[in-house]
Amino acid sequence: MGVDTDRFVSQVNDGLLCSICRDVLEEPLQAPCEHAFCRACIQGWLVNECTCPEDRQPLFLSDLRPLFRYMRNDLDRLQLHCQYFTEGCLTVCTMESLRSHETACDHATVTCPFEDCALSMTRRELEEHVLLCHTSRMTSHAPTPSGLRVCPGGCGLELTSENDAREHSCIAELRTTVEVLRAEMTCRMEDQRRNLEARLDAQRGHMVQREAVLQGQIESLKTEVKRLSDRLKSLLDAEVDRRRELDRMTSERAEILAMLAEIQRLQKEEQGCQHCSGGKSKVTPV
């Protein structure tokens, strides 16, 4: 079965819906005809069928292939609510990170790891419960090396006298133990926080330096782009001037050729006239 469409932040494209359950694809597989299905849905379908549920073309388990990469990327980027949002989890994450979140979600329902304890609780309550559950299983009735009595209530405290036994409270003792453990955990978390802050400060310093270097490179590139742009403009202007000069020379050439043609025509006419006058002078009267 797929992921319920109601959990998604926005409308999901139909191409990312299983053709069988009509929910968003989960562990998707694709047929040669490019129809996509949830792995569980199509495997269940092909137990009794040997055709594609959409177009009825022949289909077998060996024909199924992983989803196209671009569709897989679109699927991984979808944002949806944690499955424990009804229990109070407000986390919205991508399909790609959903499994890792839900595995560690504080609102997930878990059971006590001790076999004889059937209590269920949220994961954020588990640590304190396990501590109490484990403490209650301590060897309360076994004799201690010092020969002191151990609290029969199960908290594990050694009682030095009857007065201690009367004044002793398991709940208060366990609460004190929990507070001590909480304080230790808080100290460890504070140390980790300081280490993380130190690492982040170092990373920020590196990023600032890197940003300055990149900014310098960007400025150099801007200067180079401007220089090339000016150079290109000058070349274009030179090309325009060259074309104008070429047009002028072409026009002058055409004029010169026209003049030469006119001169040649006049010369031919002049030669024709000379032949005519020469012929007339050789004729003798009868």
Protein backbone atom coordinates (compact mmCIF):
# COMPACT_ATOMS: atom_id res chain seq x y z
CA MET A 1 0.00 0.00 0.00
CA GLY A 2 1.10 3.54 -0.69
CA VAL A 3 1.26 6.66 1.45
CA ASP A 4 -2.08 8.35 2.18
CA THR A 5 -2.48 11.46 0.01
CA ASP A 6 -4.07 13.36 2.94
CA ARG A 7 -0.68 13.47 4.68
CA PHE A 8 0.91 15.59 1.95
CA VAL A 9 1.27 19.36 2.21
CA SER A 10 0.22 20.03 -1.41
CA GLN A 11 -1.58 18.28 -4.23
CA VAL A 12 0.37 15.31 -5.59
CA ASN A 13 0.76 14.80 -9.35
CA ASP A 14 -1.28 11.86 -10.67
CA GLY A 15 1.87 10.41 -12.21
CA LEU A 16 3.20 9.73 -8.69
CA LEU A 17 0.12 7.76 -7.60
CA CYS A 18 -0.02 3.97 -7.58
CA SER A 19 -2.28 2.65 -10.35
CA ILE A 20 -3.73 0.07 -7.94
CA CYS A 21 -4.22 1.68 -4.51
CA ARG A 22 -4.28 5.30 -5.83
CA ASP A 23 -2.09 6.42 -2.92
CA VAL A 24 1.36 7.99 -3.33
CA LEU A 25 3.92 5.44 -4.52
CA GLU A 26 5.79 3.52 -1.83
CA GLU A 27 8.83 1.46 -2.91
CA PRO A 28 7.78 2.10 -6.51
CA LEU A 29 8.23 -0.28 -9.44
CA GLN A 30 7.50 0.43 -13.09
CA ALA A 31 6.16 -1.77 -15.88
CA PRO A 32 7.49 -1.67 -19.47
CA CYS A 33 4.30 0.23 -20.38
CA GLU A 34 5.52 2.92 -17.89
CA HIS A 35 2.67 2.48 -15.39
CA ALA A 36 3.95 2.72 -11.80
CA PHE A 37 2.88 0.75 -8.72
CA CYS A 38 3.77 0.25 -5.08
CA ARG A 39 5.93 -2.85 -4.68
CA ALA A 40 3.43 -4.54 -2.33
CA CYS A 41 0.46 -3.65 -4.57
CA ILE A 42 1.87 -5.02 -7.83
CA GLN A 43 3.36 -8.11 -6.21
CA GLY A 44 -0.04 -8.90 -4.69
CA TRP A 45 -1.75 -8.25 -8.04
CA LEU A 46 0.58 -10.55 -9.99
CA VAL A 47 -0.13 -13.47 -7.65
CA ASN A 48 -3.41 -14.03 -9.50
CA GLU A 49 -2.95 -11.92 -12.66
CA CYS A 50 -0.36 -11.73 -15.43
CA THR A 51 -1.35 -8.42 -17.01
CA CYS A 52 -0.90 -4.73 -16.24
CA PRO A 53 -3.83 -3.42 -14.12
CA GLU A 54 -4.05 -0.33 -16.33
CA ASP A 55 -3.82 -1.44 -19.97
CA ARG A 56 -3.99 -5.26 -19.61
CA GLN A 57 -0.73 -5.80 -21.45
CA PRO A 58 1.19 -8.97 -20.43
CA LEU A 59 3.20 -8.34 -17.28
CA PHE A 60 5.35 -10.54 -15.03
CA LEU A 61 7.44 -9.85 -11.93
CA SER A 62 10.65 -10.13 -13.96
CA ASP A 63 9.42 -7.26 -16.20
CA LEU A 64 9.26 -4.75 -13.35
CA ARG A 65 12.00 -2.12 -13.13
CA PRO A 66 12.84 0.77 -10.74
CA LEU A 67 11.08 4.08 -11.32
CA PHE A 68 12.60 6.59 -13.77
CA ARG A 69 15.18 8.74 -11.98
CA TYR A 70 13.38 12.04 -12.64
CA MET A 71 10.15 10.58 -11.21
CA ARG A 72 12.09 9.17 -8.24
CA ASN A 73 13.55 12.64 -7.59
CA ASP A 74 10.08 14.23 -7.79
CA LEU A 75 8.79 11.61 -5.36
CA ASP A 76 11.65 12.15 -2.90
CA ARG A 77 11.02 15.93 -2.86
CA LEU A 78 7.33 15.65 -1.86
CA GLN A 79 6.65 17.09 1.61
CA LEU A 80 4.30 15.37 4.04
CA HIS A 81 3.38 15.10 7.70
CA CYS A 82 4.82 12.47 10.01
CA GLN A 83 2.52 9.45 10.43
CA TYR A 84 2.36 10.32 14.13
CA PHE A 85 0.92 13.80 13.54
CA THR A 86 -2.34 12.69 15.22
CA GLU A 87 -0.25 11.97 18.35
CA GLY A 88 1.15 15.51 18.31
CA CYS A 89 4.16 15.38 15.96
CA LEU A 90 4.26 18.59 13.90
CA THR A 91 7.23 17.62 11.75
CA VAL A 92 6.94 18.07 7.98
CA CYS A 93 9.67 16.33 5.99
CA THR A 94 10.39 15.03 2.51
CA MET A 95 9.64 11.49 1.39
CA GLU A 96 13.39 10.94 1.18
CA SER A 97 13.91 11.67 4.89
CA LEU A 98 10.58 10.31 6.14
CA ARG A 99 11.81 6.86 7.16
CA SER A 100 14.75 8.18 9.18
CA HIS A 101 12.47 10.67 10.99
CA GLU A 102 9.72 8.20 11.84
CA THR A 103 12.28 5.68 13.08
CA ALA A 104 13.38 8.19 15.72
CA CYS A 105 10.14 10.18 16.18
CA ASP A 106 9.47 10.98 19.86
CA HIS A 107 5.73 10.52 19.32
CA ALA A 108 6.00 6.97 17.99
CA THR A 109 4.36 4.29 20.13
CA VAL A 110 6.82 1.73 21.50
CA THR A 111 6.72 -1.06 24.08
CA CYS A 112 8.97 -1.67 27.03
CA PRO A 113 11.96 -3.83 25.98
CA PHE A 114 11.59 -6.06 29.07
CA GLU A 115 9.76 -9.23 28.16
CA ASP A 116 7.55 -9.34 31.25
CA CYS A 117 6.47 -5.68 30.87
CA ALA A 118 3.70 -5.11 28.33
CA LEU A 119 3.38 -1.35 28.78
CA SER A 120 3.22 0.86 25.68
CA MET A 121 4.23 4.51 25.59
CA THR A 122 5.70 7.17 23.31
CA ARG A 123 9.41 7.02 22.57
CA ARG A 124 10.07 10.19 24.57
CA GLU A 125 8.61 8.46 27.65
CA LEU A 126 10.55 5.25 27.10
CA GLU A 127 13.86 6.28 28.66
CA GLU A 128 12.37 7.23 32.01
CA HIS A 129 10.15 4.15 32.00
CA VAL A 130 13.07 1.81 31.22
CA LEU A 131 15.02 3.33 34.08
CA LEU A 132 12.18 2.75 36.53
CA CYS A 133 11.44 -0.67 35.08
CA HIS A 134 15.09 -1.72 35.29
CA THR A 135 15.47 -0.38 38.81
CA SER A 136 12.44 -2.35 39.98
CA ARG A 137 14.12 -5.51 38.66
CA MET A 138 17.28 -5.03 40.67
CA THR A 139 18.09 -7.83 43.06
CA SER A 140 16.17 -6.36 45.95
CA HIS A 141 16.07 -9.63 47.88
CA ALA A 142 19.68 -10.69 47.34
CA PRO A 143 22.06 -10.04 50.23
CA THR A 144 24.55 -7.26 49.63
CA PRO A 145 28.30 -7.75 50.19
CA SER A 146 28.08 -5.43 53.19
CA GLY A 147 25.26 -7.43 54.74
CA LEU A 148 22.87 -4.45 54.62
CA ARG A 149 19.18 -4.80 53.88
CA VAL A 150 18.02 -3.88 50.41
CA CYS A 151 14.74 -2.03 49.97
CA PRO A 152 12.06 -4.66 49.30
CA GLY A 153 10.15 -2.12 47.18
CA GLY A 154 12.57 -2.64 44.33
CA CYS A 155 14.43 0.68 44.18
CA GLY A 156 17.74 -1.06 45.13
CA LEU A 157 18.67 1.25 48.01
CA GLU A 158 20.69 -0.32 50.86
CA LEU A 159 19.03 0.39 54.22
CA THR A 160 21.36 0.77 57.17
CA SER A 161 18.72 0.63 59.92
CA GLU A 162 15.08 0.10 60.68
CA ASN A 163 14.74 3.89 60.94
CA ASP A 164 15.97 4.24 57.37
CA ALA A 165 13.47 1.61 56.30
CA ARG A 166 10.60 3.53 57.90
CA GLU A 167 11.63 6.89 56.46
CA HIS A 168 12.58 5.51 53.06
CA SER A 169 10.40 6.29 50.03
CA CYS A 170 11.02 4.37 46.81
CA ILE A 171 9.29 7.03 44.73
CA ALA A 172 11.42 9.80 46.20
CA GLU A 173 14.56 7.70 45.76
CA LEU A 174 13.73 6.89 42.18
CA ARG A 175 12.86 10.52 41.51
CA THR A 176 16.25 11.53 42.92
CA THR A 177 17.97 8.95 40.74
CA VAL A 178 16.11 10.21 37.69
CA GLU A 179 17.06 13.80 38.50
CA VAL A 180 20.71 12.83 38.88
CA LEU A 181 20.67 11.02 35.57
CA ARG A 182 18.86 13.94 33.97
CA ALA A 183 21.49 16.34 35.33
CA GLU A 184 24.27 14.13 33.98
CA MET A 185 22.54 13.97 30.60
CA THR A 186 22.07 17.73 30.64
CA CYS A 187 25.79 18.20 31.31
CA ARG A 188 26.69 15.86 28.47
CA MET A 189 24.28 17.62 26.15
CA GLU A 190 25.72 20.99 27.18
CA ASP A 191 29.23 19.73 26.41
CA GLN A 192 28.05 18.49 23.04
CA ARG A 193 26.31 21.82 22.41
CA ARG A 194 29.52 23.74 23.18
CA ASN A 195 31.51 21.43 20.90
CA LEU A 196 28.98 21.89 18.14
CA GLU A 197 29.01 25.67 18.59
CA ALA A 198 32.81 25.67 18.42
CA ARG A 199 32.71 23.61 15.25
CA LEU A 200 30.02 25.87 13.80
CA ASP A 201 32.05 28.98 14.64
CA ALA A 202 35.07 27.47 12.91
CA GLN A 203 32.89 26.54 9.95
CA ARG A 204 31.42 30.05 9.85
CA GLY A 205 34.93 31.54 9.85
CA HIS A 206 35.90 29.27 6.99
CA MET A 207 32.74 30.20 5.11
CA VAL A 208 33.40 33.92 5.63
CA GLN A 209 36.91 33.52 4.25
CA ARG A 210 35.61 31.48 1.38
CA GLU A 211 32.93 34.08 0.71
CA ALA A 212 35.57 36.83 0.60
CA VAL A 213 37.63 34.81 -1.89
CA LEU A 214 34.59 34.14 -4.03
CA GLN A 215 33.58 37.79 -3.86
CA GLY A 216 37.04 38.79 -5.08
CA GLN A 217 36.78 36.28 -7.91
CA ILE A 218 33.35 37.62 -8.83
CA GLU A 219 34.68 41.17 -8.95
CA SER A 220 37.58 40.04 -11.13
CA LEU A 221 35.15 38.28 -13.44
CA LYS A 222 32.98 41.41 -13.60
CA THR A 223 36.05 43.49 -14.54
CA GLU A 224 37.03 40.96 -17.19
CA VAL A 225 33.49 40.83 -18.55
CA LYS A 226 33.43 44.65 -18.77
CA ARG A 227 36.80 44.68 -20.54
CA LEU A 228 35.63 42.07 -23.03
CA SER A 229 32.36 43.94 -23.50
CA ASP A 230 34.22 47.18 -24.26
CA ARG A 231 36.53 45.30 -26.60
CA LEU A 232 33.58 43.72 -28.37
CA LYS A 233 31.90 47.11 -28.71
CA SER A 234 35.05 48.62 -30.24
CA LEU A 235 35.31 45.69 -32.66
CA LEU A 236 31.66 46.10 -33.64
CA ASP A 237 32.18 49.82 -34.18
CA ALA A 238 35.24 49.07 -36.30
CA GLU A 239 33.25 46.54 -38.29
CA VAL A 240 30.51 49.11 -38.89
CA ASP A 241 33.11 51.64 -40.10
CA ARG A 242 34.71 49.01 -42.32
CA ARG A 243 31.37 48.16 -43.89
CA ARG A 244 30.65 51.84 -44.51
CA GLU A 245 34.07 52.26 -46.16
CA LEU A 246 33.46 49.15 -48.24
CA ASP A 247 30.07 50.49 -49.35
CA ARG A 248 31.70 53.82 -50.27
CA MET A 249 34.45 52.10 -52.26
CA THR A 250 31.89 49.90 -53.99
CA SER A 251 29.91 52.98 -54.96
CA GLU A 252 33.04 54.74 -56.25
CA ARG A 253 34.03 51.64 -58.23
CA ALA A 254 30.60 51.54 -59.82
CA GLU A 255 30.94 55.23 -60.77
CA ILE A 256 34.44 54.68 -62.21
CA LEU A 257 33.22 51.68 -64.22
CA ALA A 258 30.31 53.75 -65.52
CA MET A 259 32.73 56.53 -66.52
CA LEU A 260 35.03 54.04 -68.26
CA ALA A 261 32.09 52.60 -70.14
CA GLU A 262 31.05 56.09 -71.20
CA ILE A 263 34.61 56.92 -72.34
CA GLN A 264 34.79 53.70 -74.35
CA ARG A 265 31.45 54.51 -75.96
CA LEU A 266 32.61 58.00 -76.92
CA GLN A 267 35.87 56.61 -78.32
CA LYS A 268 33.95 54.15 -80.48
CA GLU A 269 31.68 56.89 -81.74
CA GLU A 270 34.73 59.05 -82.55
CA GLN A 271 36.41 56.22 -84.46
CA GLY A 272 33.20 55.64 -86.39
CA CYS A 273 33.05 59.26 -87.43
CA GLN A 274 36.69 59.19 -88.62
CA HIS A 275 36.02 56.16 -90.87
CA CYS A 276 33.01 57.91 -92.32
CA SER A 277 34.97 61.13 -93.16
CA GLY A 278 37.90 59.17 -94.66
CA GLY A 279 35.66 57.22 -97.02
CA LYS A 280 34.04 60.36 -98.40
CA SER A 281 37.41 61.96 -99.34
CA LYS A 282 38.43 58.99 -101.60
CA VAL A 283 35.34 59.12 -103.86
CA THR A 284 36.08 60.73 -107.41
CA PRO A 285 33.43 62.52 -109.38
CA VAL A 286 32.20 60.76 -112.64
